[in-house]
C-alpha cells in the first residue's frame, strides 16, 4: 500500500517521501490522524547528535535499522483502523488507536501493538502517551518518599509530565528548574511548589531547614544541568538521569561533596524496566498506569502547535530554534 513518510536525511534536513508497506493477514491498516514530535530524541537525530551506529529501538518493531541517515523515526501516532486482515477480529475496524509508530500517513500493525483510545480521551492528547509512560518510569525509578525535597531539571514535556505525577505525592517540596519563564509557568500549573531559573536554585534548597535535595531528576537534555544536579544534591541523595545526550559529553565536578555526601547517580530509560521493579511491574502495567495519569493531568495547554504533516520540516526548524512558545508540537494528517 502507498503512503507518505517523514525521513531525517542529514543534519537539520528532513523530507516527506512516498513509501509503500505491506499488510499481513494478522494486521490492521491504520490511517494516521496525529503524531507527536518527541523533541528530546528527535532533535538529537535532527541535529546529527545521535550515535549513527546505535539501533533505532530494539523494543519497538516499527523502528528498524540504526540511526544513520536516512532514517524514519518517531513513536507517538494515533489514527483510525480502516481495514483488517483476514485473521483479525472485525471489531477492530473503525477503532481509533495509538501505536508506537514513526511519522507515516498510514501503517500496518498487529492488534497487540495497538492501544485503543478511550472514549474520554482526545486523539491529540493520546499522542502524548509515550511522554506519560516515560514520566511514570522515571517516578518508579526515583522512588520518592514522604517529605522528600525533589528537584526536576527541565520543564519540557517529559519534565512537565514528571512534575504532574510527582505532585500527587506527599513530598516536602517539589521544585522545577527551568531557564524559560513560560515553561516555569507550565511547571507551576502542573504542580511544582516552586519553579526557578537555574541561577536561583541555591536560594530554594539551601539554608538551615534545607541542606540540599533528596531526589533530583535531570530531564533538560543539557549535560551541564547534570553537574548542577550533583551540586544541588544533599547527603545520601540520588540523581536520576532521564536525559539522553547522544554524542554530547557531560563534564562533572566530582571532587567536592560528591563522595563525602554519598550521592548516587543512576540512569532511567523507558525501553526497559529497572531490575528492582521487575518482580511487580511489567510493561503492560506501566503503560496502563501511564494512561491513567494521562487522563488525570490537564495536558491541553501543553500542546502549543498543530502543524500539517506536509509542513513537518518547519516543525523541526521551529523546535530547533528553541522558541519559548514551542512545547508539544503535533503533526496533523488530513488525508
C-alpha atoms as a PDB file:
ATOM      1  CA  UNK A   1       0.000   0.000   0.000  1.00  0.00           C
ATOM      2  CA  UNK A   2       1.129   3.569  -0.666  1.00  0.00           C
ATOM      3  CA  UNK A   3       1.801   6.176   1.976  1.00  0.00           C
ATOM      4  CA  UNK A   4       3.995   9.167   2.770  1.00  0.00           C
ATOM      5  CA  UNK A   5       6.689   9.019   5.436  1.00  0.00           C
ATOM      6  CA  UNK A   6       8.918  11.511   7.198  1.00  0.00           C
ATOM      7  CA  UNK A   7      12.664  10.907   6.937  1.00  0.00           C
ATOM      8  CA  UNK A   8      15.607  12.550   8.679  1.00  0.00           C
ATOM      9  CA  UNK A   9      18.020  12.790   5.765  1.00  0.00           C
ATOM     10  CA  UNK A  10      21.007  14.814   7.049  1.00  0.00           C
ATOM     11  CA  UNK A  11      21.783  17.164   9.941  1.00  0.00           C
ATOM     12  CA  UNK A  12      18.905  19.666  10.089  1.00  0.00           C
ATOM     13  CA  UNK A  13      17.284  18.238   6.979  1.00  0.00           C
ATOM     14  CA  UNK A  14      14.028  16.283   6.717  1.00  0.00           C
ATOM     15  CA  UNK A  15      11.931  15.126   3.791  1.00  0.00           C
ATOM     16  CA  UNK A  16       8.471  13.691   3.225  1.00  0.00           C
ATOM     17  CA  UNK A  17       8.790  10.755   0.807  1.00  0.00           C
ATOM     18  CA  UNK A  18       6.461   8.325  -0.922  1.00  0.00           C
ATOM     19  CA  UNK A  19       6.848   4.820   0.540  1.00  0.00           C
ATOM     20  CA  UNK A  20       4.959   1.540   0.495  1.00  0.00           C
ATOM     21  CA  UNK A  21       4.055  -1.038   3.111  1.00  0.00           C
ATOM     22  CA  UNK A  22       2.530  -4.500   3.110  1.00  0.00           C
ATOM     23  CA  UNK A  23      -0.274  -5.865   5.266  1.00  0.00           C
ATOM     24  CA  UNK A  24      -0.215  -9.390   6.712  1.00  0.00           C
ATOM     25  CA  UNK A  25      -3.390 -11.370   7.498  1.00  0.00           C
ATOM     26  CA  UNK A  26      -2.891 -10.780  11.243  1.00  0.00           C
ATOM     27  CA  UNK A  27      -2.513  -6.991  10.836  1.00  0.00           C
ATOM     28  CA  UNK A  28      -4.768  -3.977  10.501  1.00  0.00           C
ATOM     29  CA  UNK A  29      -4.270  -0.804   8.473  1.00  0.00           C
ATOM     30  CA  UNK A  30      -4.232   2.444  10.436  1.00  0.00           C
ATOM     31  CA  UNK A  31      -4.763   5.820   8.790  1.00  0.00           C
ATOM     32  CA  UNK A  32      -2.908   8.380  10.927  1.00  0.00           C
ATOM     33  CA  UNK A  33      -4.751  11.371  12.389  1.00  0.00           C
ATOM     34  CA  UNK A  34      -1.988  12.918  14.523  1.00  0.00           C
ATOM     35  CA  UNK A  35       1.514  12.163  15.728  1.00  0.00           C
ATOM     36  CA  UNK A  36       3.567  13.847  18.420  1.00  0.00           C
ATOM     37  CA  UNK A  37       7.131  15.019  17.940  1.00  0.00           C
ATOM     38  CA  UNK A  38       9.176  13.894  20.920  1.00  0.00           C
ATOM     39  CA  UNK A  39      11.617  16.751  20.942  1.00  0.00           C
ATOM     40  CA  UNK A  40      14.383  15.202  23.040  1.00  0.00           C
ATOM     41  CA  UNK A  41      15.378  12.202  20.925  1.00  0.00           C
ATOM     42  CA  UNK A  42      14.062  13.507  17.627  1.00  0.00           C
ATOM     43  CA  UNK A  43      16.028  16.748  17.897  1.00  0.00           C
ATOM     44  CA  UNK A  44      19.217  14.780  18.584  1.00  0.00           C
ATOM     45  CA  UNK A  45      18.625  12.883  15.354  1.00  0.00           C
ATOM     46  CA  UNK A  46      17.627  16.066  13.519  1.00  0.00           C
ATOM     47  CA  UNK A  47      20.792  17.866  14.645  1.00  0.00           C
ATOM     48  CA  UNK A  48      23.074  14.930  13.915  1.00  0.00           C
ATOM     49  CA  UNK A  49      23.861  14.449  17.606  1.00  0.00           C
ATOM     50  CA  UNK A  50      22.680  10.828  17.888  1.00  0.00           C
ATOM     51  CA  UNK A  51      25.182   7.957  17.528  1.00  0.00           C
ATOM     52  CA  UNK A  52      24.530   6.787  13.967  1.00  0.00           C
ATOM     53  CA  UNK A  53      25.504   3.163  14.663  1.00  0.00           C
ATOM     54  CA  UNK A  54      23.012   2.800  17.534  1.00  0.00           C
ATOM     55  CA  UNK A  55      19.925   0.629  16.803  1.00  0.00           C
ATOM     56  CA  UNK A  56      16.844   2.827  16.437  1.00  0.00           C
ATOM     57  CA  UNK A  57      14.971   0.948  19.194  1.00  0.00           C
ATOM     58  CA  UNK A  58      15.086  -2.803  19.625  1.00  0.00           C
ATOM     59  CA  UNK A  59      11.867  -2.765  21.689  1.00  0.00           C
ATOM     60  CA  UNK A  60       9.680  -1.103  19.010  1.00  0.00           C
ATOM     61  CA  UNK A  61       9.039  -3.283  15.970  1.00  0.00           C
ATOM     62  CA  UNK A  62       8.255  -0.362  13.656  1.00  0.00           C
ATOM     63  CA  UNK A  63      11.703   1.154  14.257  1.00  0.00           C
ATOM     64  CA  UNK A  64      14.198  -0.988  12.374  1.00  0.00           C
ATOM     65  CA  UNK A  65      17.809  -0.386  11.436  1.00  0.00           C
ATOM     66  CA  UNK A  66      20.065   2.142  13.121  1.00  0.00           C
ATOM     67  CA  UNK A  67      20.120   5.921  13.478  1.00  0.00           C
ATOM     68  CA  UNK A  68      22.189   6.637  10.387  1.00  0.00           C
ATOM     69  CA  UNK A  69      20.646   8.808   7.667  1.00  0.00           C
ATOM     70  CA  UNK A  70      18.183   8.464   6.091  1.00  0.00           C
ATOM     71  CA  UNK A  71      16.046   7.263   8.986  1.00  0.00           C
ATOM     72  CA  UNK A  72      12.344   7.139   9.833  1.00  0.00           C
ATOM     73  CA  UNK A  73      11.859   7.853  13.497  1.00  0.00           C
ATOM     74  CA  UNK A  74       9.021   8.643  15.882  1.00  0.00           C
ATOM     75  CA  UNK A  75       6.853   6.679  18.274  1.00  0.00           C
ATOM     76  CA  UNK A  76       3.606   8.505  19.016  1.00  0.00           C
ATOM     77  CA  UNK A  77       0.926   8.022  16.362  1.00  0.00           C
ATOM     78  CA  UNK A  78      -2.866   7.981  16.698  1.00  0.00           C
ATOM     79  CA  UNK A  79      -5.178   7.007  13.864  1.00  0.00           C
ATOM     80  CA  UNK A  80      -8.217   5.060  12.735  1.00  0.00           C
ATOM     81  CA  UNK A  81      -8.294   1.395  11.748  1.00  0.00           C
ATOM     82  CA  UNK A  82      -9.583   1.431   8.169  1.00  0.00           C
ATOM     83  CA  UNK A  83      -9.068  -2.238   7.240  1.00  0.00           C
ATOM     84  CA  UNK A  84      -8.314  -5.545   8.926  1.00  0.00           C
ATOM     85  CA  UNK A  85      -6.614  -8.706   7.705  1.00  0.00           C
ATOM     86  CA  UNK A  86      -8.498 -11.979   7.441  1.00  0.00           C
ATOM     87  CA  UNK A  87      -7.022 -13.237  10.732  1.00  0.00           C
ATOM     88  CA  UNK A  88      -8.098 -10.135  12.713  1.00  0.00           C
ATOM     89  CA  UNK A  89     -11.430  -9.782  14.501  1.00  0.00           C
ATOM     90  CA  UNK A  90     -13.742  -7.420  12.606  1.00  0.00           C
ATOM     91  CA  UNK A  91     -14.365  -5.451  15.815  1.00  0.00           C
ATOM     92  CA  UNK A  92     -11.063  -3.649  15.259  1.00  0.00           C
ATOM     93  CA  UNK A  93     -12.334  -1.861  12.155  1.00  0.00           C
ATOM     94  CA  UNK A  94     -13.318   1.735  12.869  1.00  0.00           C
ATOM     95  CA  UNK A  95     -11.453   1.948  16.178  1.00  0.00           C
ATOM     96  CA  UNK A  96      -9.236   4.901  16.992  1.00  0.00           C
ATOM     97  CA  UNK A  97      -5.918   3.562  18.250  1.00  0.00           C
ATOM     98  CA  UNK A  98      -2.476   4.573  19.464  1.00  0.00           C
ATOM     99  CA  UNK A  99       0.723   2.965  18.176  1.00  0.00           C
ATOM    100  CA  UNK A 100       4.466   3.388  18.734  1.00  0.00           C
ATOM    101  CA  UNK A 101       4.938   4.173  15.065  1.00  0.00           C
ATOM    102  CA  UNK A 102       7.038   6.737  13.118  1.00  0.00           C
ATOM    103  CA  UNK A 103       5.511   9.701  11.306  1.00  0.00           C
ATOM    104  CA  UNK A 104       3.656   7.995   8.444  1.00  0.00           C
ATOM    105  CA  UNK A 105       0.321   8.793   6.830  1.00  0.00           C
ATOM    106  CA  UNK A 106      -0.633   5.118   7.240  1.00  0.00           C
ATOM    107  CA  UNK A 107       0.855   1.922   8.630  1.00  0.00           C
ATOM    108  CA  UNK A 108       0.164  -1.738   9.385  1.00  0.00           C
ATOM    109  CA  UNK A 109       0.250  -3.228  12.876  1.00  0.00           C
ATOM    110  CA  UNK A 110      -0.947  -6.283  14.755  1.00  0.00           C
ATOM    111  CA  UNK A 111      -3.652  -5.661  17.379  1.00  0.00           C
ATOM    112  CA  UNK A 112      -1.225  -6.363  20.223  1.00  0.00           C
ATOM    113  CA  UNK A 113       0.846  -3.379  19.032  1.00  0.00           C
ATOM    114  CA  UNK A 114      -2.126  -1.030  19.416  1.00  0.00           C
ATOM    115  CA  UNK A 115      -3.742   0.725  22.363  1.00  0.00           C
ATOM    116  CA  UNK A 116      -7.420   1.618  21.851  1.00  0.00           C
ATOM    117  CA  UNK A 117      -8.057   5.296  22.582  1.00  0.00           C
ATOM    118  CA  UNK A 118     -10.577   5.615  25.449  1.00  0.00           C
ATOM    119  CA  UNK A 119     -13.783   7.456  24.584  1.00  0.00           C
ATOM    120  CA  UNK A 120     -12.952  10.186  27.102  1.00  0.00           C
ATOM    121  CA  UNK A 121      -9.509  10.898  25.621  1.00  0.00           C
ATOM    122  CA  UNK A 122      -8.984  13.229  22.680  1.00  0.00           C
ATOM    123  CA  UNK A 123      -6.739  11.776  19.924  1.00  0.00           C
ATOM    124  CA  UNK A 124      -4.356  14.718  20.253  1.00  0.00           C
ATOM    125  CA  UNK A 125      -3.971  14.011  23.960  1.00  0.00           C
ATOM    126  CA  UNK A 126      -3.402  10.317  23.278  1.00  0.00           C
ATOM    127  CA  UNK A 127      -0.321  11.107  21.192  1.00  0.00           C
ATOM    128  CA  UNK A 128       1.374  12.114  24.457  1.00  0.00           C
ATOM    129  CA  UNK A 129       1.018   8.628  25.971  1.00  0.00           C
ATOM    130  CA  UNK A 130       4.771   7.879  25.483  1.00  0.00           C
ATOM    131  CA  UNK A 131       5.632  11.002  27.487  1.00  0.00           C
ATOM    132  CA  UNK A 132       3.308   9.904  30.271  1.00  0.00           C
ATOM    133  CA  UNK A 133       4.876   6.445  30.195  1.00  0.00           C
ATOM    134  CA  UNK A 134       8.395   7.867  30.346  1.00  0.00           C
ATOM    135  CA  UNK A 135       7.436  10.054  33.299  1.00  0.00           C
ATOM    136  CA  UNK A 136       5.814   7.082  35.035  1.00  0.00           C
ATOM    137  CA  UNK A 137       9.026   5.110  34.560  1.00  0.00           C
ATOM    138  CA  UNK A 138      11.085   7.996  35.950  1.00  0.00           C
ATOM    139  CA  UNK A 139       8.966   8.167  39.081  1.00  0.00           C
ATOM    140  CA  UNK A 140       9.150   4.391  39.550  1.00  0.00           C
ATOM    141  CA  UNK A 141      12.935   4.533  39.244  1.00  0.00           C
ATOM    142  CA  UNK A 142      13.303   7.505  41.576  1.00  0.00           C
ATOM    143  CA  UNK A 143      11.102   6.012  44.315  1.00  0.00           C
ATOM    144  CA  UNK A 144      10.140   9.302  46.010  1.00  0.00           C
ATOM    145  CA  UNK A 145       9.090   9.032  49.640  1.00  0.00           C
ATOM    146  CA  UNK A 146       7.049  11.156  52.020  1.00  0.00           C
ATOM    147  CA  UNK A 147       8.537  14.513  52.985  1.00  0.00           C
ATOM    148  CA  UNK A 148      11.391  14.489  50.468  1.00  0.00           C
ATOM    149  CA  UNK A 149      12.681  17.554  48.631  1.00  0.00           C
ATOM    150  CA  UNK A 150      12.529  16.719  44.935  1.00  0.00           C
ATOM    151  CA  UNK A 151      14.036  18.820  42.152  1.00  0.00           C
ATOM    152  CA  UNK A 152      13.275  18.383  38.451  1.00  0.00           C
ATOM    153  CA  UNK A 153      15.715  19.973  35.985  1.00  0.00           C
ATOM    154  CA  UNK A 154      13.966  20.786  32.705  1.00  0.00           C
ATOM    155  CA  UNK A 155      10.333  21.728  32.112  1.00  0.00           C
ATOM    156  CA  UNK A 156       9.960  20.304  28.649  1.00  0.00           C
ATOM    157  CA  UNK A 157       7.202  17.770  28.036  1.00  0.00           C
ATOM    158  CA  UNK A 158       8.909  14.938  29.944  1.00  0.00           C
ATOM    159  CA  UNK A 159       9.767  17.221  32.846  1.00  0.00           C
ATOM    160  CA  UNK A 160       6.232  18.579  32.998  1.00  0.00           C
ATOM    161  CA  UNK A 161       4.649  15.130  32.980  1.00  0.00           C
ATOM    162  CA  UNK A 162       7.080  14.049  35.699  1.00  0.00           C
ATOM    163  CA  UNK A 163       6.160  17.086  37.786  1.00  0.00           C
ATOM    164  CA  UNK A 164       2.474  16.326  37.281  1.00  0.00           C
ATOM    165  CA  UNK A 165       2.822  12.768  38.540  1.00  0.00           C
ATOM    166  CA  UNK A 166       5.098  13.756  41.434  1.00  0.00           C
ATOM    167  CA  UNK A 167       2.649  16.442  42.516  1.00  0.00           C
ATOM    168  CA  UNK A 168       0.300  13.714  43.784  1.00  0.00           C
ATOM    169  CA  UNK A 169       2.944  12.504  46.284  1.00  0.00           C
ATOM    170  CA  UNK A 170       3.160  13.867  49.875  1.00  0.00           C
ATOM    171  CA  UNK A 171       6.536  15.491  49.235  1.00  0.00           C
ATOM    172  CA  UNK A 172       8.152  18.096  51.391  1.00  0.00           C
ATOM    173  CA  UNK A 173       8.843  20.281  48.375  1.00  0.00           C
ATOM    174  CA  UNK A 174       8.658  19.897  44.593  1.00  0.00           C
ATOM    175  CA  UNK A 175      10.951  22.257  42.672  1.00  0.00           C
ATOM    176  CA  UNK A 176      11.243  22.807  38.919  1.00  0.00           C
ATOM    177  CA  UNK A 177      14.416  24.295  37.436  1.00  0.00           C
ATOM    178  CA  UNK A 178      13.924  25.844  34.017  1.00  0.00           C
ATOM    179  CA  UNK A 179      15.534  28.853  32.282  1.00  0.00           C
ATOM    180  CA  UNK A 180      12.475  29.701  30.129  1.00  0.00           C
ATOM    181  CA  UNK A 181       9.877  31.791  32.042  1.00  0.00           C
ATOM    182  CA  UNK A 182       6.900  30.448  30.055  1.00  0.00           C
ATOM    183  CA  UNK A 183       7.871  26.895  30.907  1.00  0.00           C
ATOM    184  CA  UNK A 184       8.235  27.785  34.569  1.00  0.00           C
ATOM    185  CA  UNK A 185       4.592  28.861  34.455  1.00  0.00           C
ATOM    186  CA  UNK A 186       3.649  25.485  32.975  1.00  0.00           C
ATOM    187  CA  UNK A 187       5.636  23.792  35.763  1.00  0.00           C
ATOM    188  CA  UNK A 188       3.691  25.627  38.466  1.00  0.00           C
ATOM    189  CA  UNK A 189       0.420  24.731  36.807  1.00  0.00           C
ATOM    190  CA  UNK A 190       1.450  21.063  36.678  1.00  0.00           C
ATOM    191  CA  UNK A 191       2.027  21.064  40.419  1.00  0.00           C
ATOM    192  CA  UNK A 192       5.514  22.379  41.208  1.00  0.00           C
ATOM    193  CA  UNK A 193       5.627  24.207  44.537  1.00  0.00           C
ATOM    194  CA  UNK A 194       8.414  26.399  43.207  1.00  0.00           C
ATOM    195  CA  UNK A 195       9.735  26.995  39.685  1.00  0.00           C
ATOM    196  CA  UNK A 196      13.032  28.848  39.399  1.00  0.00           C
ATOM    197  CA  UNK A 197      15.731  29.734  36.913  1.00  0.00           C
ATOM    198  CA  UNK A 198      18.941  27.665  37.349  1.00  0.00           C
ATOM    199  CA  UNK A 199      20.821  30.545  38.960  1.00  0.00           C
ATOM    200  CA  UNK A 200      18.171  30.840  41.698  1.00  0.00           C
ATOM    201  CA  UNK A 201      18.056  27.187  42.771  1.00  0.00           C
ATOM    202  CA  UNK A 202      20.536  27.551  45.638  1.00  0.00           C
ATOM    203  CA  UNK A 203      18.238  30.035  47.370  1.00  0.00           C
ATOM    204  CA  UNK A 204      15.492  27.382  47.451  1.00  0.00           C
ATOM    205  CA  UNK A 205      17.338  24.260  48.626  1.00  0.00           C
ATOM    206  CA  UNK A 206      19.962  25.662  50.996  1.00  0.00           C
ATOM    207  CA  UNK A 207      19.666  27.084  54.485  1.00  0.00           C
ATOM    208  CA  UNK A 208      19.089  25.761  57.988  1.00  0.00           C
ATOM    209  CA  UNK A 209      15.965  23.819  57.040  1.00  0.00           C
ATOM    210  CA  UNK A 210      17.061  22.513  53.661  1.00  0.00           C
ATOM    211  CA  UNK A 211      20.568  21.187  53.132  1.00  0.00           C
ATOM    212  CA  UNK A 212      20.285  20.100  49.522  1.00  0.00           C
ATOM    213  CA  UNK A 213      17.706  17.972  47.765  1.00  0.00           C
ATOM    214  CA  UNK A 214      16.867  14.326  48.433  1.00  0.00           C
ATOM    215  CA  UNK A 215      15.928  13.306  44.898  1.00  0.00           C
ATOM    216  CA  UNK A 216      16.844  15.073  41.663  1.00  0.00           C
ATOM    217  CA  UNK A 217      15.837  14.405  38.069  1.00  0.00           C
ATOM    218  CA  UNK A 218      17.945  15.644  35.159  1.00  0.00           C
ATOM    219  CA  UNK A 219      15.478  15.929  32.260  1.00  0.00           C
ATOM    220  CA  UNK A 220      16.696  19.040  30.468  1.00  0.00           C
ATOM    221  CA  UNK A 221      18.797  17.331  27.802  1.00  0.00           C
ATOM    222  CA  UNK A 222      21.652  19.679  28.692  1.00  0.00           C
ATOM    223  CA  UNK A 223      24.808  17.957  30.024  1.00  0.00           C
ATOM    224  CA  UNK A 224      25.723  20.985  32.164  1.00  0.00           C
ATOM    225  CA  UNK A 225      22.497  20.516  34.127  1.00  0.00           C
ATOM    226  CA  UNK A 226      23.752  17.150  35.411  1.00  0.00           C
ATOM    227  CA  UNK A 227      26.646  18.921  37.113  1.00  0.00           C
ATOM    228  CA  UNK A 228      24.142  21.395  38.605  1.00  0.00           C
ATOM    229  CA  UNK A 229      22.078  18.482  39.906  1.00  0.00           C
ATOM    230  CA  UNK A 230      25.069  16.898  41.632  1.00  0.00           C
ATOM    231  CA  UNK A 231      25.921  20.255  43.196  1.00  0.00           C
ATOM    232  CA  UNK A 232      22.349  20.657  44.498  1.00  0.00           C
ATOM    233  CA  UNK A 233      22.144  17.135  45.929  1.00  0.00           C
ATOM    234  CA  UNK A 234      22.138  16.605  49.686  1.00  0.00           C
ATOM    235  CA  UNK A 235      23.578  13.809  51.812  1.00  0.00           C
ATOM    236  CA  UNK A 236      22.713  10.269  50.656  1.00  0.00           C
ATOM    237  CA  UNK A 237      20.651  11.691  47.807  1.00  0.00           C
ATOM    238  CA  UNK A 238      20.127  10.265  44.361  1.00  0.00           C
ATOM    239  CA  UNK A 239      20.255  11.844  40.934  1.00  0.00           C
ATOM    240  CA  UNK A 240      18.161  10.156  38.232  1.00  0.00           C
ATOM    241  CA  UNK A 241      19.303  10.912  34.694  1.00  0.00           C
ATOM    242  CA  UNK A 242      16.428  10.688  32.234  1.00  0.00           C
ATOM    243  CA  UNK A 243      18.067  12.854  29.580  1.00  0.00           C
ATOM    244  CA  UNK A 244      19.778  11.227  26.629  1.00  0.00           C
ATOM    245  CA  UNK A 245      22.697  13.382  25.498  1.00  0.00           C
ATOM    246  CA  UNK A 246      23.562  11.448  22.353  1.00  0.00           C
ATOM    247  CA  UNK A 247      27.084  12.381  21.290  1.00  0.00           C
ATOM    248  CA  UNK A 248      27.240  15.344  23.688  1.00  0.00           C
ATOM    249  CA  UNK A 249      29.584  14.857  26.654  1.00  0.00           C
ATOM    250  CA  UNK A 250      28.785  15.584  30.301  1.00  0.00           C
ATOM    251  CA  UNK A 251      31.554  17.100  32.396  1.00  0.00           C
ATOM    252  CA  UNK A 252      31.087  16.544  36.142  1.00  0.00           C
ATOM    253  CA  UNK A 253      32.827  18.017  39.175  1.00  0.00           C
ATOM    254  CA  UNK A 254      33.044  15.021  41.498  1.00  0.00           C
ATOM    255  CA  UNK A 255      35.831  16.442  43.622  1.00  0.00           C
ATOM    256  CA  UNK A 256      33.712  18.463  46.045  1.00  0.00           C
ATOM    257  CA  UNK A 257      30.902  16.906  48.108  1.00  0.00           C
ATOM    258  CA  UNK A 258      30.038  14.020  45.800  1.00  0.00           C
ATOM    259  CA  UNK A 259      31.933  11.295  47.700  1.00  0.00           C
ATOM    260  CA  UNK A 260      31.515  12.553  51.242  1.00  0.00           C
ATOM    261  CA  UNK A 261      27.796  13.076  50.723  1.00  0.00           C
ATOM    262  CA  UNK A 262      27.398   9.593  49.212  1.00  0.00           C
ATOM    263  CA  UNK A 263      25.448  10.894  46.222  1.00  0.00           C
ATOM    264  CA  UNK A 264      24.300   8.269  43.729  1.00  0.00           C
ATOM    265  CA  UNK A 265      23.734   8.833  40.008  1.00  0.00           C
ATOM    266  CA  UNK A 266      21.573   6.389  38.089  1.00  0.00           C
ATOM    267  CA  UNK A 267      20.110   6.160  34.617  1.00  0.00           C
ATOM    268  CA  UNK A 268      16.452   5.794  33.747  1.00  0.00           C
ATOM    269  CA  UNK A 269      15.272   4.661  30.321  1.00  0.00           C
ATOM    270  CA  UNK A 270      11.742   3.713  29.352  1.00  0.00           C
ATOM    271  CA  UNK A 271      12.733   0.914  26.936  1.00  0.00           C
ATOM    272  CA  UNK A 272      13.344  -1.420  29.879  1.00  0.00           C
ATOM    273  CA  UNK A 273      12.132  -1.794  33.460  1.00  0.00           C
ATOM    274  CA  UNK A 274      14.613  -1.388  36.293  1.00  0.00           C
ATOM    275  CA  UNK A 275      15.620  -4.743  37.855  1.00  0.00           C
ATOM    276  CA  UNK A 276      14.288  -3.620  41.248  1.00  0.00           C
ATOM    277  CA  UNK A 277      10.804  -3.174  39.742  1.00  0.00           C
ATOM    278  CA  UNK A 278      10.501  -6.247  37.536  1.00  0.00           C
ATOM    279  CA  UNK A 279       9.167  -8.514  40.259  1.00  0.00           C
ATOM    280  CA  UNK A 280       5.945  -6.486  40.491  1.00  0.00           C
ATOM    281  CA  UNK A 281       5.833  -4.434  37.305  1.00  0.00           C
ATOM    282  CA  UNK A 282       5.768  -5.282  33.630  1.00  0.00           C
ATOM    283  CA  UNK A 283       5.427  -3.004  30.609  1.00  0.00           C
ATOM    284  CA  UNK A 284       1.673  -3.502  30.347  1.00  0.00           C
ATOM    285  CA  UNK A 285       1.125  -2.448  33.965  1.00  0.00           C
ATOM    286  CA  UNK A 286       3.329   0.591  33.459  1.00  0.00           C
ATOM    287  CA  UNK A 287       1.539   1.562  30.245  1.00  0.00           C
ATOM    288  CA  UNK A 288      -1.867   1.202  31.923  1.00  0.00           C
ATOM    289  CA  UNK A 289      -0.682   3.389  34.800  1.00  0.00           C
ATOM    290  CA  UNK A 290       0.628   5.962  32.324  1.00  0.00           C
ATOM    291  CA  UNK A 291      -2.745   6.049  30.584  1.00  0.00           C
ATOM    292  CA  UNK A 292      -4.427   6.704  33.934  1.00  0.00           C
ATOM    293  CA  UNK A 293      -2.033   9.588  34.590  1.00  0.00           C
ATOM    294  CA  UNK A 294      -2.596  10.968  31.101  1.00  0.00           C
ATOM    295  CA  UNK A 295      -6.320  11.150  31.827  1.00  0.00           C
ATOM    296  CA  UNK A 296      -5.770  12.692  35.269  1.00  0.00           C
ATOM    297  CA  UNK A 297      -3.472  15.518  34.219  1.00  0.00           C
ATOM    298  CA  UNK A 298      -4.531  18.717  32.430  1.00  0.00           C
ATOM    299  CA  UNK A 299      -2.415  18.382  29.308  1.00  0.00           C
ATOM    300  CA  UNK A 300      -4.327  20.556  26.838  1.00  0.00           C
ATOM    301  CA  UNK A 301      -2.197  23.680  27.486  1.00  0.00           C
ATOM    302  CA  UNK A 302       0.956  21.682  26.715  1.00  0.00           C
ATOM    303  CA  UNK A 303       0.059  21.318  23.034  1.00  0.00           C
ATOM    304  CA  UNK A 304       1.270  24.563  21.531  1.00  0.00           C
ATOM    305  CA  UNK A 305       1.348  23.790  17.802  1.00  0.00           C
ATOM    306  CA  UNK A 306      -0.621  21.723  15.279  1.00  0.00           C
ATOM    307  CA  UNK A 307       1.380  21.550  12.027  1.00  0.00           C
ATOM    308  CA  UNK A 308       0.250  19.757   8.851  1.00  0.00           C
ATOM    309  CA  UNK A 309       2.303  16.671   8.072  1.00  0.00           C
ATOM    310  CA  UNK A 310       3.481  18.057   4.730  1.00  0.00           C
ATOM    311  CA  UNK A 311       4.939  21.049   6.610  1.00  0.00           C
ATOM    312  CA  UNK A 312       6.856  18.796   9.026  1.00  0.00           C
ATOM    313  CA  UNK A 313      10.258  20.315   8.134  1.00  0.00           C
ATOM    314  CA  UNK A 314       9.047  23.648   9.517  1.00  0.00           C
ATOM    315  CA  UNK A 315       8.071  21.938  12.775  1.00  0.00           C
ATOM    316  CA  UNK A 316      11.624  20.752  13.368  1.00  0.00           C
ATOM    317  CA  UNK A 317      13.040  24.135  12.410  1.00  0.00           C
ATOM    318  CA  UNK A 318      10.750  25.743  14.989  1.00  0.00           C
ATOM    319  CA  UNK A 319      11.792  23.293  17.718  1.00  0.00           C
ATOM    320  CA  UNK A 320      15.455  23.610  16.805  1.00  0.00           C
ATOM    321  CA  UNK A 321      15.264  27.393  17.161  1.00  0.00           C
ATOM    322  CA  UNK A 322      14.356  26.898  20.831  1.00  0.00           C
ATOM    323  CA  UNK A 323      11.420  29.286  20.642  1.00  0.00           C
ATOM    324  CA  UNK A 324       9.906  29.873  24.062  1.00  0.00           C
ATOM    325  CA  UNK A 325       6.344  29.422  22.768  1.00  0.00           C
ATOM    326  CA  UNK A 326       7.087  25.931  21.423  1.00  0.00           C
ATOM    327  CA  UNK A 327       6.360  22.975  23.691  1.00  0.00           C
ATOM    328  CA  UNK A 328       4.425  19.956  22.375  1.00  0.00           C
ATOM    329  CA  UNK A 329       4.226  20.005  18.588  1.00  0.00           C
ATOM    330  CA  UNK A 330       1.755  17.709  16.831  1.00  0.00           C
ATOM    331  CA  UNK A 331       1.759  16.745  13.179  1.00  0.00           C
ATOM    332  CA  UNK A 332      -1.740  16.511  11.734  1.00  0.00           C
ATOM    333  CA  UNK A 333      -2.913  14.350   8.834  1.00  0.00           C
ATOM    334  CA  UNK A 334      -5.984  15.438   6.900  1.00  0.00           C
ATOM    335  CA  UNK A 335      -5.987  12.852   4.113  1.00  0.00           C
END
